[in-house]
Structures are given as C-alpha cells and as structure tokens.
C-alpha cells in the first residue's frame, strides 16, 4: 500500500509536463509541399480556417530555405498563429525535387514525432506548390487530397501506402519505394495521374494510370475493386468486388526462375452482350487471365531493365536465403526469368445489360 501511494505521488508532478495547445490559438497544417529551386528548397504549408457559417478557408504559407526545418520556422513569420504539423494529412513532392532525391525529407520525417503515420506522401506532376494552392471540395483542400488517396487505396487501384509503410520500404533492402502522382486539372480539381517509381530516393519513371490495376496485383491485395474487359466479340464486361492475392514461388532446382501466381475473384456487374451464359463467363475469365499475365509480365520486365524493384523480389529472395548477397543480386535480378500465372474465378453476376 505504501509503495502504491509513493507511485501516485511520483505521477502527480508529471501530469503538468505535457505542453497544451488551444486549437483556436494555433494554425494546424493539413498539407505540406516541397519543391526545388536551384540550391534551395521551397516549402508550402496548407492550413484551413473555419468561418462562423462552418465553411472553410484554405490558406498557404510559402518559404525558402536550405534545410527542411528552417522552412517551417520562416513560414511561421507569415502566420498570425503558430503553425503546427500534428494534423498533417498529405505531403506532396514536386517533380524536380523527386528527381533530385528525397532522402533528407524522409530523414526528417522519421525523427519528427509530431507527424502521425496516417500522413500520405505523393508526387506532383509539376510543382507541389501548385497542387496545394487549389480549392478542392468542402472539407478543406488538405483533407480532400487525403480522402482522394485513401479512397483509391481502399476501393480502387492504388496499393496500400502511408508514412509508416513508406519509411519501412525505404530503409528495407531489396525493395524500392513508389508514390502516387497528382495532377492539377483546374483550380478546383486534382486527380491521380499515375505512380512514381523510385530507385533509392530518386524518381526514375512513372507508371500511367491505366497500368495501376496490374501493378497493384503484383504488390498488394485487392479487397474490392473494379475492372472492365473487352471480349474478342467486342462485348464488354465490368467485373466488380475484385479480390486478389499473389504468391511468389522459386523453382526448386533453379533459383533464377520465379513464378508469380495471381488469384482473382470477382462478379460481373455489367455485360453488353445479348445474354450472359456459362460459356461467356468462362470466356471472360480466360480473357482477363490472358491480359493480366501479359501486362504484369511487361511491368516486371520494365522494372528489370530499369534496375528498380518496387515488387520487393530482392527482399523475398533474401528471406529464402540465409547467405544472401545484395551485390550479386543486382546482376541476378536483371537476368531473373519470371513467369506470371493468373487464375480468375467469376463467382456470380449482378446487373446485366
């Protein structure tokens, strides 16, 4: 009992050590953009202010500095309240900076405990500053951009990603990082235009939006999704509620041969033919299998030619080989013989036209 009372007295002084901030006295940053300008970095800090009628005013503060932390210090000189990053939802990397490298930014983010793992990273088609200066939706531009990415991860073709996963993949040998690419189409609209692929910390290529379905099959699982396919008879079918998984298998007698098995399940939502019968469903399955195998193999070969590994095959091989040599793997990876085998099961039908 005496020990318990002593512990309670120890805790009482600690309760006043937490720094408290009143929300009306601070400016919460919901989005940050980084651009490169010569030898300096440009930081754009997006905040949102609530009006009495509950509408939201988006406001940006822009500063230049050599170090990322100095950007926030300089931007604070423009803000009537302190800028805080505890509510950060989206970080956008400008196109030029992405090509130069984002190592310094990632290093700072892993050390900043005020930034939560829910924060999404993205690259910009052009300048990050331009993306953040738009007026998107009614919930604030930062939250709009966050929801745009979150929705496309949960129900569309973006693979799962957030700050935690980004840092894990970046510091993990045998896998290269990737980030969604944003394009501003008007002052009130922004869209996902593709996926930026990195070699270490530099963007080296971009996957167009129409290839993201196949990329996600290689690196992630579908829990729901949609895909349209055209039959040889020109009839079109839309497949919904797609669920998928992939498995890597190394040939027992030849480790330079790898098979990637992709399993897909879904239902036909729409069909433009006269009538959907069993043979049509089988044909849809075969056409989708053929297209997945062709497109996924093309992506793998592209990655090998560019010497990037967003799928994480290096990490997979290391997990199967105790004496794994990364230097030797670079040559082995480019000579790896990969085979894609896809199995599609259409479980049922929905609305048929």
Protein backbone atom coordinates (compact mmCIF):
# COMPACT_ATOMS: atom_id res chain seq x y z
CA UNK A 1 0.00 0.00 0.00
CA UNK A 2 2.84 2.36 0.89
CA UNK A 3 4.50 1.59 -2.45
CA UNK A 4 1.27 2.37 -4.32
CA UNK A 5 0.88 5.76 -2.58
CA UNK A 6 4.51 6.59 -3.37
CA UNK A 7 3.91 5.85 -7.10
CA UNK A 8 0.84 8.09 -7.14
CA UNK A 9 2.82 10.99 -5.67
CA UNK A 10 5.51 10.46 -8.33
CA UNK A 11 2.94 10.71 -11.14
CA UNK A 12 1.30 13.93 -9.91
CA UNK A 13 4.20 16.27 -10.86
CA UNK A 14 4.49 14.60 -14.30
CA UNK A 15 0.89 15.43 -15.22
CA UNK A 16 1.81 19.06 -15.78
CA UNK A 17 4.74 18.37 -18.13
CA UNK A 18 2.64 17.94 -21.30
CA UNK A 19 2.56 21.04 -23.45
CA UNK A 20 -1.03 22.08 -24.06
CA UNK A 21 -2.16 24.00 -27.13
CA UNK A 22 -5.60 25.55 -27.57
CA UNK A 23 -6.88 24.86 -31.06
CA UNK A 24 -8.08 28.45 -31.57
CA UNK A 25 -4.58 29.73 -30.84
CA UNK A 26 -2.73 27.63 -33.44
CA UNK A 27 -2.73 27.11 -37.20
CA UNK A 28 -2.97 23.39 -37.96
CA UNK A 29 -1.07 22.36 -41.11
CA UNK A 30 -3.01 19.75 -43.11
CA UNK A 31 -0.78 19.65 -46.18
CA UNK A 32 2.88 20.31 -46.97
CA UNK A 33 4.57 20.64 -50.35
CA UNK A 34 8.29 20.59 -51.14
CA UNK A 35 9.85 21.95 -54.33
CA UNK A 36 13.40 22.54 -55.50
CA UNK A 37 14.62 25.92 -56.73
CA UNK A 38 18.33 25.97 -57.51
CA UNK A 39 20.18 25.20 -54.29
CA UNK A 40 17.19 25.97 -52.09
CA UNK A 41 14.05 24.15 -51.11
CA UNK A 42 10.61 25.73 -51.26
CA UNK A 43 8.09 24.74 -48.61
CA UNK A 44 4.35 25.30 -48.95
CA UNK A 45 2.23 24.86 -45.81
CA UNK A 46 -1.51 24.43 -46.26
CA UNK A 47 -3.87 25.32 -43.39
CA UNK A 48 -7.64 25.54 -43.09
CA UNK A 49 -9.63 28.08 -41.09
CA UNK A 50 -13.28 27.65 -40.12
CA UNK A 51 -15.67 30.55 -40.65
CA UNK A 52 -18.76 31.15 -38.44
CA UNK A 53 -21.00 29.60 -41.13
CA UNK A 54 -18.84 26.40 -40.90
CA UNK A 55 -17.31 26.94 -44.33
CA UNK A 56 -13.55 26.50 -44.70
CA UNK A 57 -10.93 28.93 -45.94
CA UNK A 58 -7.75 27.33 -47.33
CA UNK A 59 -4.58 29.31 -46.77
CA UNK A 60 -0.98 28.61 -47.81
CA UNK A 61 2.32 29.95 -46.46
CA UNK A 62 5.41 29.62 -48.65
CA UNK A 63 9.06 29.93 -47.63
CA UNK A 64 12.56 29.19 -48.97
CA UNK A 65 15.47 27.61 -47.09
CA UNK A 66 18.32 25.12 -47.38
CA UNK A 67 17.09 22.90 -44.54
CA UNK A 68 13.58 21.49 -44.29
CA UNK A 69 13.16 22.55 -40.63
CA UNK A 70 14.02 26.16 -41.49
CA UNK A 71 11.10 26.22 -43.93
CA UNK A 72 8.59 25.92 -41.09
CA UNK A 73 10.43 28.49 -39.00
CA UNK A 74 10.33 31.02 -41.85
CA UNK A 75 6.70 30.23 -42.72
CA UNK A 76 5.75 30.90 -39.08
CA UNK A 77 6.83 34.50 -39.58
CA UNK A 78 3.93 34.89 -42.03
CA UNK A 79 1.26 33.26 -39.84
CA UNK A 80 -0.76 35.06 -37.13
CA UNK A 81 -0.77 31.83 -35.08
CA UNK A 82 1.95 29.17 -34.67
CA UNK A 83 2.00 26.57 -37.46
CA UNK A 84 1.83 23.02 -36.07
CA UNK A 85 2.14 19.78 -38.03
CA UNK A 86 0.28 17.41 -35.70
CA UNK A 87 -2.71 17.27 -38.08
CA UNK A 88 -0.66 16.76 -41.25
CA UNK A 89 -2.59 14.61 -43.75
CA UNK A 90 -0.70 14.92 -47.05
CA UNK A 91 2.87 15.66 -48.15
CA UNK A 92 3.50 16.43 -51.82
CA UNK A 93 6.90 16.23 -53.51
CA UNK A 94 7.49 18.47 -56.53
CA UNK A 95 8.60 16.86 -59.80
CA UNK A 96 12.11 18.37 -59.89
CA UNK A 97 12.78 17.58 -56.23
CA UNK A 98 11.60 14.00 -56.75
CA UNK A 99 14.21 13.52 -59.48
CA UNK A 100 16.96 15.04 -57.31
CA UNK A 101 16.11 12.88 -54.30
CA UNK A 102 14.01 12.99 -51.13
CA UNK A 103 16.45 11.38 -48.68
CA UNK A 104 16.69 14.48 -46.47
CA UNK A 105 12.91 14.83 -46.24
CA UNK A 106 12.42 11.19 -45.24
CA UNK A 107 15.17 11.51 -42.65
CA UNK A 108 13.43 14.48 -41.04
CA UNK A 109 10.01 12.80 -41.10
CA UNK A 110 11.23 9.73 -39.27
CA UNK A 111 12.59 11.97 -36.50
CA UNK A 112 9.51 14.19 -36.18
CA UNK A 113 7.23 12.56 -33.59
CA UNK A 114 4.52 15.18 -34.15
CA UNK A 115 3.72 13.74 -37.61
CA UNK A 116 1.42 10.72 -37.48
CA UNK A 117 1.66 7.58 -39.62
CA UNK A 118 -1.68 8.44 -41.29
CA UNK A 119 0.11 11.06 -43.38
CA UNK A 120 0.18 10.22 -47.09
CA UNK A 121 3.05 11.05 -49.42
CA UNK A 122 2.55 11.85 -53.12
CA UNK A 123 4.50 13.32 -56.01
CA UNK A 124 3.31 16.17 -58.19
CA UNK A 125 3.11 16.48 -61.94
CA UNK A 126 4.86 19.84 -61.92
CA UNK A 127 5.19 21.81 -58.69
CA UNK A 128 3.88 20.73 -55.30
CA UNK A 129 3.11 24.38 -54.51
CA UNK A 130 0.64 24.45 -57.42
CA UNK A 131 -1.17 21.35 -56.14
CA UNK A 132 -1.64 22.77 -52.63
CA UNK A 133 -2.89 26.16 -53.84
CA UNK A 134 -6.12 24.71 -55.27
CA UNK A 135 -9.59 24.95 -53.73
CA UNK A 136 -10.82 21.36 -53.54
CA UNK A 137 -14.10 20.15 -52.07
CA UNK A 138 -15.86 21.50 -48.99
CA UNK A 139 -13.84 19.87 -46.19
CA UNK A 140 -10.57 21.70 -46.81
CA UNK A 141 -8.01 21.01 -49.54
CA UNK A 142 -5.70 19.00 -47.26
CA UNK A 143 -8.47 16.65 -46.17
CA UNK A 144 -9.75 16.43 -49.75
CA UNK A 145 -6.35 15.26 -51.01
CA UNK A 146 -6.08 12.78 -48.15
CA UNK A 147 -9.54 11.34 -48.92
CA UNK A 148 -8.70 11.16 -52.63
CA UNK A 149 -5.75 8.88 -51.91
CA UNK A 150 -7.49 6.96 -49.13
CA UNK A 151 -10.48 6.14 -51.35
CA UNK A 152 -8.28 4.97 -54.22
CA UNK A 153 -6.31 2.72 -51.87
CA UNK A 154 -9.37 1.13 -50.29
CA UNK A 155 -11.56 0.63 -53.34
CA UNK A 156 -9.53 1.43 -56.45
CA UNK A 157 -6.09 0.71 -57.91
CA UNK A 158 -3.60 2.40 -55.56
CA UNK A 159 -1.55 -0.05 -53.46
CA UNK A 160 -1.61 0.42 -49.70
CA UNK A 161 0.73 3.17 -48.54
CA UNK A 162 1.26 5.66 -45.73
CA UNK A 163 4.22 7.25 -43.96
CA UNK A 164 4.90 4.14 -41.87
CA UNK A 165 4.96 1.82 -44.91
CA UNK A 166 6.99 4.32 -46.94
CA UNK A 167 9.74 4.52 -44.32
CA UNK A 168 9.71 0.73 -43.87
CA UNK A 169 10.22 0.13 -47.59
CA UNK A 170 12.79 2.90 -47.95
CA UNK A 171 15.07 1.54 -45.23
CA UNK A 172 14.49 -2.09 -46.19
CA UNK A 173 17.00 -3.57 -48.61
CA UNK A 174 15.56 -5.41 -51.60
CA UNK A 175 12.59 -3.15 -52.32
CA UNK A 176 12.18 0.27 -53.93
CA UNK A 177 9.53 2.79 -52.93
CA UNK A 178 6.67 4.19 -55.02
CA UNK A 179 4.27 7.09 -54.55
CA UNK A 180 1.03 8.21 -56.24
CA UNK A 181 1.37 11.07 -58.70
CA UNK A 182 -1.06 14.00 -58.55
CA UNK A 183 -2.05 16.30 -61.40
CA UNK A 184 -3.95 19.56 -61.04
CA UNK A 185 -6.53 19.79 -63.82
CA UNK A 186 -8.21 23.03 -62.68
CA UNK A 187 -8.30 25.39 -59.71
CA UNK A 188 -10.97 23.16 -58.13
CA UNK A 189 -9.91 19.70 -59.24
CA UNK A 190 -6.93 17.39 -58.86
CA UNK A 191 -6.58 13.78 -60.00
CA UNK A 192 -4.27 10.78 -59.67
CA UNK A 193 -2.31 10.56 -62.93
CA UNK A 194 -0.08 7.58 -62.21
CA UNK A 195 2.52 6.15 -59.85
CA UNK A 196 6.09 7.44 -59.41
CA UNK A 197 8.68 4.68 -59.05
CA UNK A 198 11.95 5.35 -57.22
CA UNK A 199 15.48 3.99 -57.29
CA UNK A 200 16.62 4.55 -53.71
CA UNK A 201 15.35 8.11 -53.09
CA UNK A 202 15.02 9.37 -56.69
CA UNK A 203 12.08 9.15 -59.10
CA UNK A 204 13.18 7.27 -62.24
CA UNK A 205 9.92 6.53 -64.04
CA UNK A 206 6.13 6.84 -63.84
CA UNK A 207 3.52 4.13 -64.36
CA UNK A 208 0.48 5.55 -66.21
CA UNK A 209 -2.92 5.35 -64.55
CA UNK A 210 -4.18 2.57 -66.86
CA UNK A 211 -1.43 0.21 -65.60
CA UNK A 212 -2.15 0.63 -61.89
CA UNK A 213 -4.62 -2.28 -61.78
CA UNK A 214 -1.87 -4.69 -62.86
CA UNK A 215 0.75 -3.10 -60.60
CA UNK A 216 -1.46 -3.50 -57.55
CA UNK A 217 -1.95 -7.18 -58.38
CA UNK A 218 1.85 -7.59 -58.12
CA UNK A 219 2.47 -5.66 -54.89
CA UNK A 220 -0.75 -5.69 -52.86
CA UNK A 221 -4.11 -7.40 -52.37
CA UNK A 222 -7.48 -6.29 -53.68
CA UNK A 223 -10.26 -6.44 -51.11
CA UNK A 224 -12.60 -4.71 -53.53
CA UNK A 225 -12.17 -3.16 -56.92
CA UNK A 226 -13.46 -2.92 -60.48
CA UNK A 227 -12.06 -3.73 -63.90
CA UNK A 228 -13.52 -3.67 -67.41
CA UNK A 229 -12.55 -6.09 -70.16
CA UNK A 230 -13.46 -6.43 -73.84
CA UNK A 231 -14.13 -9.87 -75.29
CA UNK A 232 -12.96 -10.89 -78.74
CA UNK A 233 -16.57 -10.48 -79.91
CA UNK A 234 -16.41 -6.78 -78.88
CA UNK A 235 -18.80 -7.37 -75.99
CA UNK A 236 -17.65 -5.63 -72.81
CA UNK A 237 -17.85 -6.82 -69.22
CA UNK A 238 -17.35 -4.91 -65.98
CA UNK A 239 -16.11 -7.01 -63.06
CA UNK A 240 -16.75 -5.70 -59.53
CA UNK A 241 -15.86 -6.69 -55.95
CA UNK A 242 -12.48 -7.92 -57.14
CA UNK A 243 -10.44 -9.75 -54.51
CA UNK A 244 -6.92 -10.87 -55.26
CA UNK A 245 -3.70 -12.22 -53.83
CA UNK A 246 -0.31 -13.14 -55.24
CA UNK A 247 2.25 -15.80 -54.35
CA UNK A 248 5.95 -15.96 -55.25
CA UNK A 249 7.46 -19.40 -55.95
CA UNK A 250 11.12 -20.09 -56.69
CA UNK A 251 11.90 -23.13 -58.86
CA UNK A 252 13.39 -25.88 -56.68
CA UNK A 253 16.30 -26.73 -58.98
CA UNK A 254 16.84 -23.27 -60.49
CA UNK A 255 16.62 -20.17 -58.27
CA UNK A 256 16.87 -17.92 -61.35
CA UNK A 257 13.33 -18.98 -62.30
CA UNK A 258 10.46 -17.35 -60.41
CA UNK A 259 6.73 -17.89 -60.79
CA UNK A 260 4.26 -15.26 -59.63
CA UNK A 261 0.82 -16.76 -59.12
CA UNK A 262 -2.07 -14.29 -59.12
CA UNK A 263 -5.53 -15.35 -57.99
CA UNK A 264 -8.54 -13.13 -58.69
CA UNK A 265 -12.18 -13.48 -57.65
CA UNK A 266 -15.00 -11.20 -58.69
CA UNK A 267 -18.51 -10.83 -60.09
CA UNK A 268 -19.80 -9.50 -63.40
CA UNK A 269 -21.55 -6.20 -62.78
CA UNK A 270 -22.34 -5.25 -66.36
CA UNK A 271 -22.28 -7.07 -69.71
CA UNK A 272 -23.02 -5.54 -73.11
CA UNK A 273 -23.63 -8.82 -74.97
CA UNK A 274 -27.07 -10.27 -75.69
CA UNK A 275 -27.16 -12.72 -72.82
CA UNK A 276 -24.61 -13.80 -70.23
CA UNK A 277 -24.35 -17.58 -70.12
CA UNK A 278 -21.82 -20.00 -68.65
CA UNK A 279 -19.61 -20.08 -71.74
CA UNK A 280 -19.47 -16.28 -71.75
CA UNK A 281 -18.36 -16.23 -68.11
CA UNK A 282 -15.64 -18.76 -68.93
CA UNK A 283 -14.51 -16.63 -71.85
CA UNK A 284 -14.37 -13.51 -69.63
CA UNK A 285 -12.21 -15.44 -67.15
CA UNK A 286 -9.84 -16.55 -69.91
CA UNK A 287 -9.56 -13.07 -71.40
CA UNK A 288 -8.82 -11.50 -68.02
CA UNK A 289 -6.22 -14.18 -67.22
CA UNK A 290 -4.51 -13.57 -70.55
CA UNK A 291 -4.47 -9.80 -70.10
CA UNK A 292 -3.18 -9.95 -66.52
CA UNK A 293 -0.38 -12.34 -67.46
CA UNK A 294 0.70 -10.16 -70.41
CA UNK A 295 0.51 -6.79 -68.63
CA UNK A 296 2.11 -7.95 -65.38
CA UNK A 297 4.98 -9.61 -67.22
CA UNK A 298 5.59 -6.42 -69.19
CA UNK A 299 5.80 -4.48 -65.92
CA UNK A 300 8.26 -6.95 -64.40
CA UNK A 301 10.50 -6.79 -67.49
CA UNK A 302 10.36 -2.99 -67.41
CA UNK A 303 11.46 -2.98 -63.77
CA UNK A 304 14.35 -5.35 -64.56
CA UNK A 305 15.54 -3.17 -67.46
CA UNK A 306 15.43 -0.05 -65.28
CA UNK A 307 17.04 -1.91 -62.36
CA UNK A 308 14.28 -1.00 -59.91
CA UNK A 309 12.46 -3.43 -57.65
CA UNK A 310 9.12 -1.98 -56.45
CA UNK A 311 7.70 -5.52 -56.13
CA UNK A 312 10.29 -6.40 -53.49
CA UNK A 313 11.71 -9.52 -55.14
CA UNK A 314 15.11 -8.83 -53.57
CA UNK A 315 13.57 -8.85 -50.10
CA UNK A 316 11.68 -12.06 -50.96
CA UNK A 317 14.83 -13.85 -52.13
CA UNK A 318 16.72 -12.67 -49.06
CA UNK A 319 14.03 -14.16 -46.81
CA UNK A 320 14.65 -17.53 -48.51
CA UNK A 321 18.46 -17.39 -48.48
CA UNK A 322 20.49 -17.00 -45.29
CA UNK A 323 23.71 -16.14 -47.15
CA UNK A 324 22.06 -13.64 -49.48
CA UNK A 325 24.47 -11.29 -51.29
CA UNK A 326 22.86 -8.00 -52.38
CA UNK A 327 25.74 -7.08 -54.69
CA UNK A 328 25.37 -10.35 -56.57
CA UNK A 329 21.60 -9.93 -56.57
CA UNK A 330 21.75 -6.79 -58.72
CA UNK A 331 23.05 -8.85 -61.64
CA UNK A 332 20.86 -11.85 -60.82
CA UNK A 333 17.75 -9.66 -60.70
CA UNK A 334 18.15 -8.39 -64.24
CA UNK A 335 18.62 -11.96 -65.51
CA UNK A 336 15.75 -13.41 -63.47
CA UNK A 337 13.32 -15.48 -65.53
CA UNK A 338 9.82 -14.59 -64.36
CA UNK A 339 6.59 -16.35 -65.28
CA UNK A 340 3.12 -14.99 -64.45
CA UNK A 341 0.27 -17.44 -63.91
CA UNK A 342 -3.18 -15.94 -63.34
CA UNK A 343 -6.30 -17.75 -62.21
CA UNK A 344 -9.63 -15.91 -62.39
CA UNK A 345 -12.88 -17.08 -60.80
CA UNK A 346 -16.14 -15.27 -61.57
CA UNK A 347 -18.31 -16.16 -58.60
CA UNK A 348 -21.62 -14.65 -59.67
CA UNK A 349 -23.37 -11.95 -61.65
CA UNK A 350 -25.03 -8.67 -60.82
CA UNK A 351 -26.84 -6.21 -63.14
CA UNK A 352 -26.67 -7.44 -66.74
CA UNK A 353 -27.45 -5.17 -69.68
